[in-house]
């Protein structure tokens, strides 16, 4: 899912509904479950962990649109600092920032700043 020549794969994966499925796992799971941590990590990857600024291709807007920010903030609130899921959720939120002022405002409005 890294950028570069494989960027088209990330777009196809997001368009196929991966973000919705991962958000559903975040909402259904608990912070101590491995699946919850892996879902948060996968969202970080889909959000462009390895992308340079400007390489987003609209994926991050689609990820935010399906409720990822609220789900990630909820995971941060429910988790503990030493849990793997907390690190992945924070990373995913950081990967979603930048480039689009409206998206950044949505992240702030969801309470991400307070929980981070």
PDB file of N, CA and C in Angstrom:
ATOM      1  N   UNK A   1       0.800  -1.198   0.000  1.00  0.00           N
ATOM      2  CA  UNK A   1       0.000   0.000   0.000  1.00  0.00           C
ATOM      3  C   UNK A   1       0.839   1.257   0.000  1.00  0.00           C
ATOM      4  N   UNK A   2       2.140   1.118  -0.079  1.00  0.00           N
ATOM      5  CA  UNK A   2       3.004   2.291  -0.080  1.00  0.00           C
ATOM      6  C   UNK A   2       2.784   3.105  -1.343  1.00  0.00           C
ATOM      7  N   UNK A   3       3.270   4.330  -1.333  1.00  0.00           N
ATOM      8  CA  UNK A   3       3.109   5.223  -2.481  1.00  0.00           C
ATOM      9  C   UNK A   3       3.911   4.772  -3.681  1.00  0.00           C
ATOM     10  N   UNK A   4       4.288   5.722  -4.497  1.00  0.00           N
ATOM     11  CA  UNK A   4       5.068   5.416  -5.676  1.00  0.00           C
ATOM     12  C   UNK A   4       4.256   4.678  -6.725  1.00  0.00           C
ATOM     13  N   UNK A   5       4.875   3.676  -7.359  1.00  0.00           N
ATOM     14  CA  UNK A   5       4.227   2.929  -8.428  1.00  0.00           C
ATOM     15  C   UNK A   5       2.999   2.172  -7.956  1.00  0.00           C
ATOM     16  N   UNK A   6       2.865   1.910  -6.675  1.00  0.00           N
ATOM     17  CA  UNK A   6       1.740   1.162  -6.142  1.00  0.00           C
ATOM     18  C   UNK A   6       0.599   2.046  -5.655  1.00  0.00           C
ATOM     19  N   UNK A   7       0.668   3.335  -5.919  1.00  0.00           N
ATOM     20  CA  UNK A   7      -0.365   4.245  -5.445  1.00  0.00           C
ATOM     21  C   UNK A   7      -1.737   3.865  -5.984  1.00  0.00           C
ATOM     22  N   UNK A   8      -1.802   3.400  -7.201  1.00  0.00           N
ATOM     23  CA  UNK A   8      -3.097   3.011  -7.774  1.00  0.00           C
ATOM     24  C   UNK A   8      -3.759   1.912  -6.963  1.00  0.00           C
ATOM     25  N   UNK A   9      -2.976   1.049  -6.344  1.00  0.00           N
ATOM     26  CA  UNK A   9      -3.538  -0.020  -5.516  1.00  0.00           C
ATOM     27  C   UNK A   9      -4.282   0.553  -4.313  1.00  0.00           C
ATOM     28  N   UNK A  10      -3.708   1.554  -3.703  1.00  0.00           N
ATOM     29  CA  UNK A  10      -4.335   2.189  -2.547  1.00  0.00           C
ATOM     30  C   UNK A  10      -5.680   2.787  -2.941  1.00  0.00           C
ATOM     31  N   UNK A  11      -5.747   3.432  -4.081  1.00  0.00           N
ATOM     32  CA  UNK A  11      -6.990   4.014  -4.565  1.00  0.00           C
ATOM     33  C   UNK A  11      -8.034   2.923  -4.787  1.00  0.00           C
ATOM     34  N   UNK A  12      -7.644   1.844  -5.433  1.00  0.00           N
ATOM     35  CA  UNK A  12      -8.577   0.740  -5.704  1.00  0.00           C
ATOM     36  C   UNK A  12      -9.071   0.117  -4.404  1.00  0.00           C
ATOM     37  N   UNK A  13      -8.186  -0.065  -3.459  1.00  0.00           N
ATOM     38  CA  UNK A  13      -8.554  -0.673  -2.172  1.00  0.00           C
ATOM     39  C   UNK A  13      -9.556   0.206  -1.431  1.00  0.00           C
ATOM     40  N   UNK A  14      -9.319   1.508  -1.412  1.00  0.00           N
ATOM     41  CA  UNK A  14     -10.247   2.416  -0.743  1.00  0.00           C
ATOM     42  C   UNK A  14     -11.591   2.417  -1.468  1.00  0.00           C
ATOM     43  N   UNK A  15     -11.558   2.468  -2.792  1.00  0.00           N
ATOM     44  CA  UNK A  15     -12.800   2.473  -3.563  1.00  0.00           C
ATOM     45  C   UNK A  15     -13.584   1.169  -3.393  1.00  0.00           C
ATOM     46  N   UNK A  16     -12.909   0.086  -3.080  1.00  0.00           N
ATOM     47  CA  UNK A  16     -13.577  -1.206  -2.905  1.00  0.00           C
ATOM     48  C   UNK A  16     -14.259  -1.341  -1.546  1.00  0.00           C
ATOM     49  N   UNK A  17     -14.076  -0.366  -0.674  1.00  0.00           N
ATOM     50  CA  UNK A  17     -14.762  -0.391   0.613  1.00  0.00           C
ATOM     51  C   UNK A  17     -13.917  -0.787   1.805  1.00  0.00           C
ATOM     52  N   UNK A  18     -12.620  -0.817   1.642  1.00  0.00           N
ATOM     53  CA  UNK A  18     -11.753  -1.220   2.747  1.00  0.00           C
ATOM     54  C   UNK A  18     -11.856  -0.271   3.936  1.00  0.00           C
ATOM     55  N   UNK A  19     -11.957   1.018   3.659  1.00  0.00           N
ATOM     56  CA  UNK A  19     -12.028   1.983   4.759  1.00  0.00           C
ATOM     57  C   UNK A  19     -13.277   1.747   5.598  1.00  0.00           C
ATOM     58  N   UNK A  20     -14.413   1.500   4.945  1.00  0.00           N
ATOM     59  CA  UNK A  20     -15.649   1.240   5.680  1.00  0.00           C
ATOM     60  C   UNK A  20     -15.518   0.002   6.553  1.00  0.00           C
ATOM     61  N   UNK A  21     -14.909  -1.035   6.012  1.00  0.00           N
ATOM     62  CA  UNK A  21     -14.745  -2.275   6.771  1.00  0.00           C
ATOM     63  C   UNK A  21     -13.827  -2.065   7.972  1.00  0.00           C
ATOM     64  N   UNK A  22     -12.752  -1.324   7.791  1.00  0.00           N
ATOM     65  CA  UNK A  22     -11.828  -1.067   8.888  1.00  0.00           C
ATOM     66  C   UNK A  22     -12.470  -0.202   9.972  1.00  0.00           C
ATOM     67  N   UNK A  23     -13.255   0.780   9.564  1.00  0.00           N
ATOM     68  CA  UNK A  23     -13.969   1.610  10.533  1.00  0.00           C
ATOM     69  C   UNK A  23     -14.954   0.753  11.317  1.00  0.00           C
ATOM     70  N   UNK A  24     -15.606  -0.178  10.654  1.00  0.00           N
ATOM     71  CA  UNK A  24     -16.542  -1.077  11.345  1.00  0.00           C
ATOM     72  C   UNK A  24     -15.814  -1.916  12.394  1.00  0.00           C
ATOM     73  N   UNK A  25     -14.618  -2.374  12.085  1.00  0.00           N
ATOM     74  CA  UNK A  25     -13.824  -3.134  13.057  1.00  0.00           C
ATOM     75  C   UNK A  25     -13.467  -2.245  14.241  1.00  0.00           C
ATOM     76  N   UNK A  26     -13.079  -1.005  13.989  1.00  0.00           N
ATOM     77  CA  UNK A  26     -12.748  -0.086  15.085  1.00  0.00           C
ATOM     78  C   UNK A  26     -13.944   0.144  15.992  1.00  0.00           C
ATOM     79  N   UNK A  27     -15.104   0.312  15.392  1.00  0.00           N
ATOM     80  CA  UNK A  27     -16.308   0.586  16.182  1.00  0.00           C
ATOM     81  C   UNK A  27     -16.768  -0.631  16.977  1.00  0.00           C
ATOM     82  N   UNK A  28     -16.578  -1.810  16.434  1.00  0.00           N
ATOM     83  CA  UNK A  28     -17.053  -3.030  17.088  1.00  0.00           C
ATOM     84  C   UNK A  28     -16.068  -3.582  18.106  1.00  0.00           C
ATOM     85  N   UNK A  29     -14.800  -3.288  17.909  1.00  0.00           N
ATOM     86  CA  UNK A  29     -13.772  -3.882  18.750  1.00  0.00           C
ATOM     87  C   UNK A  29     -13.514  -3.138  20.031  1.00  0.00           C
ATOM     88  N   UNK A  30     -12.606  -3.699  20.783  1.00  0.00           N
ATOM     89  CA  UNK A  30     -12.148  -3.083  22.022  1.00  0.00           C
ATOM     90  C   UNK A  30     -10.649  -2.846  21.887  1.00  0.00           C
ATOM     91  N   UNK A  31     -10.120  -1.852  22.601  1.00  0.00           N
ATOM     92  CA  UNK A  31      -8.705  -1.513  22.459  1.00  0.00           C
ATOM     93  C   UNK A  31      -7.744  -2.675  22.711  1.00  0.00           C
ATOM     94  N   UNK A  32      -8.136  -3.629  23.566  1.00  0.00           N
ATOM     95  CA  UNK A  32      -7.219  -4.730  23.872  1.00  0.00           C
ATOM     96  C   UNK A  32      -7.224  -5.823  22.816  1.00  0.00           C
ATOM     97  N   UNK A  33      -8.121  -5.750  21.852  1.00  0.00           N
ATOM     98  CA  UNK A  33      -8.182  -6.775  20.813  1.00  0.00           C
ATOM     99  C   UNK A  33      -7.180  -6.480  19.700  1.00  0.00           C
ATOM    100  N   UNK A  34      -6.489  -7.516  19.261  1.00  0.00           N
ATOM    101  CA  UNK A  34      -5.491  -7.383  18.197  1.00  0.00           C
ATOM    102  C   UNK A  34      -6.124  -6.847  16.908  1.00  0.00           C
ATOM    103  N   UNK A  35      -7.343  -7.291  16.598  1.00  0.00           N
ATOM    104  CA  UNK A  35      -8.009  -6.850  15.373  1.00  0.00           C
ATOM    105  C   UNK A  35      -8.219  -5.340  15.360  1.00  0.00           C
ATOM    106  N   UNK A  36      -8.486  -4.760  16.508  1.00  0.00           N
ATOM    107  CA  UNK A  36      -8.688  -3.314  16.591  1.00  0.00           C
ATOM    108  C   UNK A  36      -7.379  -2.592  16.273  1.00  0.00           C
ATOM    109  N   UNK A  37      -6.293  -3.076  16.820  1.00  0.00           N
ATOM    110  CA  UNK A  37      -4.985  -2.476  16.539  1.00  0.00           C
ATOM    111  C   UNK A  37      -4.617  -2.618  15.066  1.00  0.00           C
ATOM    112  N   UNK A  38      -4.880  -3.782  14.501  1.00  0.00           N
ATOM    113  CA  UNK A  38      -4.544  -4.003  13.096  1.00  0.00           C
ATOM    114  C   UNK A  38      -5.412  -3.132  12.181  1.00  0.00           C
ATOM    115  N   UNK A  39      -6.669  -2.924  12.541  1.00  0.00           N
ATOM    116  CA  UNK A  39      -7.537  -2.055  11.744  1.00  0.00           C
ATOM    117  C   UNK A  39      -7.028  -0.617  11.773  1.00  0.00           C
ATOM    118  N   UNK A  40      -6.618  -0.145  12.940  1.00  0.00           N
ATOM    119  CA  UNK A  40      -6.068   1.213  13.042  1.00  0.00           C
ATOM    120  C   UNK A  40      -4.777   1.332  12.236  1.00  0.00           C
ATOM    121  N   UNK A  41      -3.932   0.311  12.296  1.00  0.00           N
ATOM    122  CA  UNK A  41      -2.696   0.319  11.513  1.00  0.00           C
ATOM    123  C   UNK A  41      -2.965   0.296  10.019  1.00  0.00           C
ATOM    124  N   UNK A  42      -3.947  -0.475   9.605  1.00  0.00           N
ATOM    125  CA  UNK A  42      -4.301  -0.528   8.185  1.00  0.00           C
ATOM    126  C   UNK A  42      -4.851   0.810   7.711  1.00  0.00           C
ATOM    127  N   UNK A  43      -5.624   1.487   8.551  1.00  0.00           N
ATOM    128  CA  UNK A  43      -6.108   2.822   8.181  1.00  0.00           C
ATOM    129  C   UNK A  43      -4.945   3.801   8.028  1.00  0.00           C
ATOM    130  N   UNK A  44      -3.944   3.680   8.881  1.00  0.00           N
ATOM    131  CA  UNK A  44      -2.762   4.540   8.744  1.00  0.00           C
ATOM    132  C   UNK A  44      -2.090   4.291   7.397  1.00  0.00           C
ATOM    133  N   UNK A  45      -2.009   3.045   7.008  1.00  0.00           N
ATOM    134  CA  UNK A  45      -1.404   2.706   5.717  1.00  0.00           C
ATOM    135  C   UNK A  45      -2.245   3.240   4.568  1.00  0.00           C
ATOM    136  N   UNK A  46      -3.557   3.041   4.641  1.00  0.00           N
ATOM    137  CA  UNK A  46      -4.440   3.560   3.600  1.00  0.00           C
ATOM    138  C   UNK A  46      -4.406   5.081   3.542  1.00  0.00           C
ATOM    139  N   UNK A  47      -4.204   5.716   4.679  1.00  0.00           N
ATOM    140  CA  UNK A  47      -4.175   7.177   4.732  1.00  0.00           C
ATOM    141  C   UNK A  47      -2.883   7.747   4.177  1.00  0.00           C
ATOM    142  N   UNK A  48      -1.989   6.906   3.766  1.00  0.00           N
ATOM    143  CA  UNK A  48      -0.796   7.398   3.101  1.00  0.00           C
ATOM    144  C   UNK A  48       0.413   7.546   3.979  1.00  0.00           C
ATOM    145  N   UNK A  49       0.631   6.582   4.843  1.00  0.00           N
ATOM    146  CA  UNK A  49       1.787   6.607   5.736  1.00  0.00           C
ATOM    147  C   UNK A  49       3.081   6.891   4.982  1.00  0.00           C
ATOM    148  N   UNK A  50       3.212   6.353   3.790  1.00  0.00           N
ATOM    149  CA  UNK A  50       4.461   6.482   3.037  1.00  0.00           C
ATOM    150  C   UNK A  50       4.382   7.496   1.898  1.00  0.00           C
ATOM    151  N   UNK A  51       3.342   8.307   1.873  1.00  0.00           N
ATOM    152  CA  UNK A  51       3.162   9.253   0.785  1.00  0.00           C
ATOM    153  C   UNK A  51       3.831  10.585   1.069  1.00  0.00           C
ATOM    154  N   UNK A  52       4.299  11.191   0.021  1.00  0.00           N
ATOM    155  CA  UNK A  52       4.788  12.561   0.106  1.00  0.00           C
ATOM    156  C   UNK A  52       3.577  13.488   0.033  1.00  0.00           C
ATOM    157  N   UNK A  53       3.696  14.703   0.551  1.00  0.00           N
ATOM    158  CA  UNK A  53       2.575  15.646   0.456  1.00  0.00           C
ATOM    159  C   UNK A  53       2.121  15.813  -0.994  1.00  0.00           C
ATOM    160  N   UNK A  54       0.817  15.832  -1.195  1.00  0.00           N
ATOM    161  CA  UNK A  54       0.267  16.007  -2.534  1.00  0.00           C
ATOM    162  C   UNK A  54       0.005  14.724  -3.291  1.00  0.00           C
ATOM    163  N   UNK A  55       0.350  13.577  -2.744  1.00  0.00           N
ATOM    164  CA  UNK A  55       0.140  12.291  -3.415  1.00  0.00           C
ATOM    165  C   UNK A  55      -1.136  11.587  -2.961  1.00  0.00           C
ATOM    166  N   UNK A  56      -2.029  12.294  -2.322  1.00  0.00           N
ATOM    167  CA  UNK A  56      -3.195  11.706  -1.673  1.00  0.00           C
ATOM    168  C   UNK A  56      -4.178  11.048  -2.634  1.00  0.00           C
ATOM    169  N   UNK A  57      -4.416  11.594  -3.804  1.00  0.00           N
ATOM    170  CA  UNK A  57      -5.365  11.055  -4.787  1.00  0.00           C
ATOM    171  C   UNK A  57      -6.797  10.978  -4.260  1.00  0.00           C
ATOM    172  N   UNK A  58      -7.140  11.751  -3.240  1.00  0.00           N
ATOM    173  CA  UNK A  58      -8.497  11.767  -2.717  1.00  0.00           C
ATOM    174  C   UNK A  58      -8.833  10.656  -1.748  1.00  0.00           C
ATOM    175  N   UNK A  59      -7.896   9.763  -1.488  1.00  0.00           N
ATOM    176  CA  UNK A  59      -8.169   8.646  -0.580  1.00  0.00           C
ATOM    177  C   UNK A  59      -8.466   9.120   0.831  1.00  0.00           C
ATOM    178  N   UNK A  60      -7.718  10.087   1.313  1.00  0.00           N
ATOM    179  CA  UNK A  60      -7.917  10.527   2.694  1.00  0.00           C
ATOM    180  C   UNK A  60      -9.292  11.154   2.901  1.00  0.00           C
ATOM    181  N   UNK A  61      -9.769  11.897   1.919  1.00  0.00           N
ATOM    182  CA  UNK A  61     -11.117  12.463   2.024  1.00  0.00           C
ATOM    183  C   UNK A  61     -12.150  11.344   2.100  1.00  0.00           C
ATOM    184  N   UNK A  62     -11.962  10.295   1.323  1.00  0.00           N
ATOM    185  CA  UNK A  62     -12.888   9.157   1.345  1.00  0.00           C
ATOM    186  C   UNK A  62     -12.833   8.432   2.681  1.00  0.00           C
ATOM    187  N   UNK A  63     -11.652   8.322   3.252  1.00  0.00           N
ATOM    188  CA  UNK A  63     -11.486   7.658   4.548  1.00  0.00           C
ATOM    189  C   UNK A  63     -12.175   8.467   5.642  1.00  0.00           C
ATOM    190  N   UNK A  64     -12.021   9.774   5.608  1.00  0.00           N
ATOM    191  CA  UNK A  64     -12.676  10.639   6.594  1.00  0.00           C
ATOM    192  C   UNK A  64     -14.195  10.566   6.425  1.00  0.00           C
ATOM    193  N   UNK A  65     -14.651  10.537   5.189  1.00  0.00           N
ATOM    194  CA  UNK A  65     -16.087  10.534   4.901  1.00  0.00           C
ATOM    195  C   UNK A  65     -16.814   9.338   5.503  1.00  0.00           C
ATOM    196  N   UNK A  66     -16.144   8.200   5.627  1.00  0.00           N
ATOM    197  CA  UNK A  66     -16.805   7.001   6.175  1.00  0.00           C
ATOM    198  C   UNK A  66     -16.746   6.932   7.700  1.00  0.00           C
ATOM    199  N   UNK A  67     -16.252   7.989   8.334  1.00  0.00           N
ATOM    200  CA  UNK A  67     -16.277   8.043   9.794  1.00  0.00           C
ATOM    201  C   UNK A  67     -15.014   7.605  10.496  1.00  0.00           C
ATOM    202  N   UNK A  68     -13.921   7.555   9.785  1.00  0.00           N
ATOM    203  CA  UNK A  68     -12.677   7.078  10.383  1.00  0.00           C
ATOM    204  C   UNK A  68     -12.193   7.957  11.530  1.00  0.00           C
ATOM    205  N   UNK A  69     -12.341   9.265  11.394  1.00  0.00           N
ATOM    206  CA  UNK A  69     -11.825  10.162  12.429  1.00  0.00           C
ATOM    207  C   UNK A  69     -12.536   9.911  13.753  1.00  0.00           C
ATOM    208  N   UNK A  70     -13.855   9.882  13.727  1.00  0.00           N
ATOM    209  CA  UNK A  70     -14.602   9.644  14.969  1.00  0.00           C
ATOM    210  C   UNK A  70     -14.256   8.285  15.569  1.00  0.00           C
ATOM    211  N   UNK A  71     -14.114   7.272  14.720  1.00  0.00           N
ATOM    212  CA  UNK A  71     -13.777   5.934  15.207  1.00  0.00           C
ATOM    213  C   UNK A  71     -12.380   5.903  15.821  1.00  0.00           C
ATOM    214  N   UNK A  72     -11.428   6.574  15.192  1.00  0.00           N
ATOM    215  CA  UNK A  72     -10.062   6.605  15.720  1.00  0.00           C
ATOM    216  C   UNK A  72      -9.983   7.379  17.028  1.00  0.00           C
ATOM    217  N   UNK A  73     -10.703   8.499  17.117  1.00  0.00           N
ATOM    218  CA  UNK A  73     -10.729   9.271  18.356  1.00  0.00           C
ATOM    219  C   UNK A  73     -11.352   8.436  19.472  1.00  0.00           C
ATOM    220  N   UNK A  74     -12.414   7.697  19.162  1.00  0.00           N
ATOM    221  CA  UNK A  74     -13.041   6.832  20.165  1.00  0.00           C
ATOM    222  C   UNK A  74     -12.076   5.764  20.660  1.00  0.00           C
ATOM    223  N   UNK A  75     -11.278   5.211  19.759  1.00  0.00           N
ATOM    224  CA  UNK A  75     -10.279   4.215  20.150  1.00  0.00           C
ATOM    225  C   UNK A  75      -9.244   4.843  21.073  1.00  0.00           C
ATOM    226  N   UNK A  76      -8.802   6.055  20.742  1.00  0.00           N
ATOM    227  CA  UNK A  76      -7.826   6.731  21.601  1.00  0.00           C
ATOM    228  C   UNK A  76      -8.389   7.003  22.988  1.00  0.00           C
ATOM    229  N   UNK A  77      -9.650   7.388  23.046  1.00  0.00           N
ATOM    230  CA  UNK A  77     -10.274   7.656  24.344  1.00  0.00           C
ATOM    231  C   UNK A  77     -10.425   6.384  25.174  1.00  0.00           C
ATOM    232  N   UNK A  78     -10.705   5.266  24.529  1.00  0.00           N
ATOM    233  CA  UNK A  78     -10.938   4.009  25.242  1.00  0.00           C
ATOM    234  C   UNK A  78      -9.646   3.278  25.593  1.00  0.00           C
ATOM    235  N   UNK A  79      -8.607   3.541  24.834  1.00  0.00           N
ATOM    236  CA  UNK A  79      -7.355   2.811  25.030  1.00  0.00           C
ATOM    237  C   UNK A  79      -6.454   3.416  26.089  1.00  0.00           C
ATOM    238  N   UNK A  80      -5.340   2.741  26.288  1.00  0.00           N
ATOM    239  CA  UNK A  80      -4.327   3.211  27.230  1.00  0.00           C
ATOM    240  C   UNK A  80      -3.048   3.508  26.441  1.00  0.00           C
ATOM    241  N   UNK A  81      -2.221   4.411  26.949  1.00  0.00           N
ATOM    242  CA  UNK A  81      -1.012   4.804  26.211  1.00  0.00           C
ATOM    243  C   UNK A  81      -0.090   3.643  25.843  1.00  0.00           C
ATOM    244  N   UNK A  82      -0.060   2.604  26.658  1.00  0.00           N
ATOM    245  CA  UNK A  82       0.870   1.506  26.378  1.00  0.00           C
ATOM    246  C   UNK A  82       0.334   0.483  25.380  1.00  0.00           C
ATOM    247  N   UNK A  83      -0.902   0.643  24.953  1.00  0.00           N
ATOM    248  CA  UNK A  83      -1.484  -0.316  24.015  1.00  0.00           C
ATOM    249  C   UNK A  83      -1.072  -0.012  22.578  1.00  0.00           C
ATOM    250  N   UNK A  84      -0.848  -1.064  21.823  1.00  0.00           N
ATOM    251  CA  UNK A  84      -0.475  -0.950  20.416  1.00  0.00           C
ATOM    252  C   UNK A  84      -1.516  -0.154  19.628  1.00  0.00           C
ATOM    253  N   UNK A  85      -2.787  -0.378  19.919  1.00  0.00           N
ATOM    254  CA  UNK A  85      -3.862   0.293  19.192  1.00  0.00           C
ATOM    255  C   UNK A  85      -3.773   1.805  19.344  1.00  0.00           C
ATOM    256  N   UNK A  86      -3.325   2.281  20.471  1.00  0.00           N
ATOM    257  CA  UNK A  86      -3.215   3.718  20.704  1.00  0.00           C
ATOM    258  C   UNK A  86      -2.198   4.335  19.748  1.00  0.00           C
ATOM    259  N   UNK A  87      -1.083   3.682  19.589  1.00  0.00           N
ATOM    260  CA  UNK A  87      -0.061   4.186  18.670  1.00  0.00           C
ATOM    261  C   UNK A  87      -0.557   4.175  17.231  1.00  0.00           C
ATOM    262  N   UNK A  88      -1.201   3.103  16.819  1.00  0.00           N
ATOM    263  CA  UNK A  88      -1.714   3.020  15.452  1.00  0.00           C
ATOM    264  C   UNK A  88      -2.820   4.039  15.186  1.00  0.00           C
ATOM    265  N   UNK A  89      -3.709   4.232  16.162  1.00  0.00           N
ATOM    266  CA  UNK A  89      -4.786   5.208  15.982  1.00  0.00           C
ATOM    267  C   UNK A  89      -4.213   6.619  15.866  1.00  0.00           C
ATOM    268  N   UNK A  90      -3.246   6.940  16.699  1.00  0.00           N
ATOM    269  CA  UNK A  90      -2.609   8.261  16.624  1.00  0.00           C
ATOM    270  C   UNK A  90      -1.898   8.439  15.283  1.00  0.00           C
ATOM    271  N   UNK A  91      -1.214   7.402  14.833  1.00  0.00           N
ATOM    272  CA  UNK A  91      -0.522   7.463  13.544  1.00  0.00           C
ATOM    273  C   UNK A  91      -1.513   7.671  12.407  1.00  0.00           C
ATOM    274  N   UNK A  92      -2.629   6.950  12.436  1.00  0.00           N
ATOM    275  CA  UNK A  92      -3.637   7.093  11.386  1.00  0.00           C
ATOM    276  C   UNK A  92      -4.182   8.516  11.338  1.00  0.00           C
ATOM    277  N   UNK A  93      -4.459   9.093  12.503  1.00  0.00           N
ATOM    278  CA  UNK A  93      -4.951  10.478  12.535  1.00  0.00           C
ATOM    279  C   UNK A  93      -3.921  11.438  11.966  1.00  0.00           C
ATOM    280  N   UNK A  94      -2.667  11.222  12.301  1.00  0.00           N
ATOM    281  CA  UNK A  94      -1.606  12.083  11.766  1.00  0.00           C
ATOM    282  C   UNK A  94      -1.497  11.948  10.252  1.00  0.00           C
ATOM    283  N   UNK A  95      -1.651  10.734   9.739  1.00  0.00           N
ATOM    284  CA  UNK A  95      -1.578  10.512   8.299  1.00  0.00           C
ATOM    285  C   UNK A  95      -2.748  11.167   7.562  1.00  0.00           C
ATOM    286  N   UNK A  96      -3.869  11.320   8.236  1.00  0.00           N
ATOM    287  CA  UNK A  96      -5.037  11.930   7.604  1.00  0.00           C
ATOM    288  C   UNK A  96      -4.951  13.448   7.541  1.00  0.00           C
ATOM    289  N   UNK A  97      -4.065  14.050   8.307  1.00  0.00           N
ATOM    290  CA  UNK A  97      -3.956  15.510   8.329  1.00  0.00           C
ATOM    291  C   UNK A  97      -3.165  16.016   7.142  1.00  0.00           C
ATOM    292  N   UNK A  98      -3.258  17.309   6.937  1.00  0.00           N
ATOM    293  CA  UNK A  98      -2.458  17.958   5.913  1.00  0.00           C
ATOM    294  C   UNK A  98      -3.170  18.060   4.577  1.00  0.00           C
ATOM    295  N   UNK A  99      -2.830  19.102   3.863  1.00  0.00           N
ATOM    296  CA  UNK A  99      -3.323  19.251   2.507  1.00  0.00           C
ATOM    297  C   UNK A  99      -4.700  19.865   2.378  1.00  0.00           C
ATOM    298  N   UNK A 100      -5.648  19.407   3.129  1.00  0.00           N
ATOM    299  CA  UNK A 100      -7.028  19.855   2.993  1.00  0.00           C
ATOM    300  C   UNK A 100      -7.492  20.474   4.294  1.00  0.00           C
ATOM    301  N   UNK A 101      -7.757  21.762   4.258  1.00  0.00           N
ATOM    302  CA  UNK A 101      -8.125  22.478   5.479  1.00  0.00           C
ATOM    303  C   UNK A 101      -9.430  21.956   6.083  1.00  0.00           C
ATOM    304  N   UNK A 102     -10.400  21.625   5.246  1.00  0.00           N
ATOM    305  CA  UNK A 102     -11.658  21.087   5.746  1.00  0.00           C
ATOM    306  C   UNK A 102     -11.473  19.771   6.481  1.00  0.00           C
ATOM    307  N   UNK A 103     -10.602  18.920   5.959  1.00  0.00           N
ATOM    308  CA  UNK A 103     -10.325  17.640   6.619  1.00  0.00           C
ATOM    309  C   UNK A 103      -9.629  17.878   7.954  1.00  0.00           C
ATOM    310  N   UNK A 104      -8.700  18.795   7.989  1.00  0.00           N
ATOM    311  CA  UNK A 104      -8.014  19.115   9.240  1.00  0.00           C
ATOM    312  C   UNK A 104      -8.984  19.653  10.280  1.00  0.00           C
ATOM    313  N   UNK A 105      -9.921  20.482   9.847  1.00  0.00           N
ATOM    314  CA  UNK A 105     -10.921  21.020  10.763  1.00  0.00           C
ATOM    315  C   UNK A 105     -11.816  19.910  11.319  1.00  0.00           C
ATOM    316  N   UNK A 106     -12.152  18.938  10.486  1.00  0.00           N
ATOM    317  CA  UNK A 106     -12.968  17.810  10.931  1.00  0.00           C
ATOM    318  C   UNK A 106     -12.224  16.982  11.978  1.00  0.00           C
ATOM    319  N   UNK A 107     -10.941  16.837  11.798  1.00  0.00           N
ATOM    320  CA  UNK A 107     -10.120  16.081  12.747  1.00  0.00           C
ATOM    321  C   UNK A 107     -10.065  16.804  14.089  1.00  0.00           C
ATOM    322  N   UNK A 108      -9.897  18.111  14.058  1.00  0.00           N
ATOM    323  CA  UNK A 108      -9.872  18.906  15.280  1.00  0.00           C
ATOM    324  C   UNK A 108     -11.250  18.872  15.947  1.00  0.00           C
ATOM    325  N   UNK A 109     -12.313  19.041  15.149  1.00  0.00           N
ATOM    326  CA  UNK A 109     -13.675  19.057  15.704  1.00  0.00           C
ATOM    327  C   UNK A 109     -14.055  17.731  16.368  1.00  0.00           C
ATOM    328  N   UNK A 110     -13.483  16.640  15.900  1.00  0.00           N
ATOM    329  CA  UNK A 110     -13.788  15.320  16.463  1.00  0.00           C
ATOM    330  C   UNK A 110     -13.116  15.105  17.813  1.00  0.00           C
ATOM    331  N   UNK A 111     -12.234  16.022  18.194  1.00  0.00           N
ATOM    332  CA  UNK A 111     -11.566  15.913  19.490  1.00  0.00           C
ATOM    333  C   UNK A 111     -10.202  15.270  19.446  1.00  0.00           C
ATOM    334  N   UNK A 112      -9.636  15.148  18.258  1.00  0.00           N
ATOM    335  CA  UNK A 112      -8.337  14.479  18.123  1.00  0.00           C
ATOM    336  C   UNK A 112      -7.228  15.191  18.888  1.00  0.00           C
ATOM    337  N   UNK A 113      -7.250  16.508  18.879  1.00  0.00           N
ATOM    338  CA  UNK A 113      -6.194  17.259  19.555  1.00  0.00           C
ATOM    339  C   UNK A 113      -6.196  16.965  21.050  1.00  0.00           C
ATOM    340  N   UNK A 114      -7.382  16.939  21.635  1.00  0.00           N
ATOM    341  CA  UNK A 114      -7.486  16.701  23.074  1.00  0.00           C
ATOM    342  C   UNK A 114      -6.998  15.308  23.459  1.00  0.00           C
ATOM    343  N   UNK A 115      -7.335  14.303  22.670  1.00  0.00           N
ATOM    344  CA  UNK A 115      -6.942  12.939  23.045  1.00  0.00           C
ATOM    345  C   UNK A 115      -5.492  12.632  22.719  1.00  0.00           C
ATOM    346  N   UNK A 116      -4.943  13.355  21.758  1.00  0.00           N
ATOM    347  CA  UNK A 116      -3.531  13.139  21.442  1.00  0.00           C
ATOM    348  C   UNK A 116      -2.667  13.818  22.468  1.00  0.00           C
TER     349      UNK A 116
END
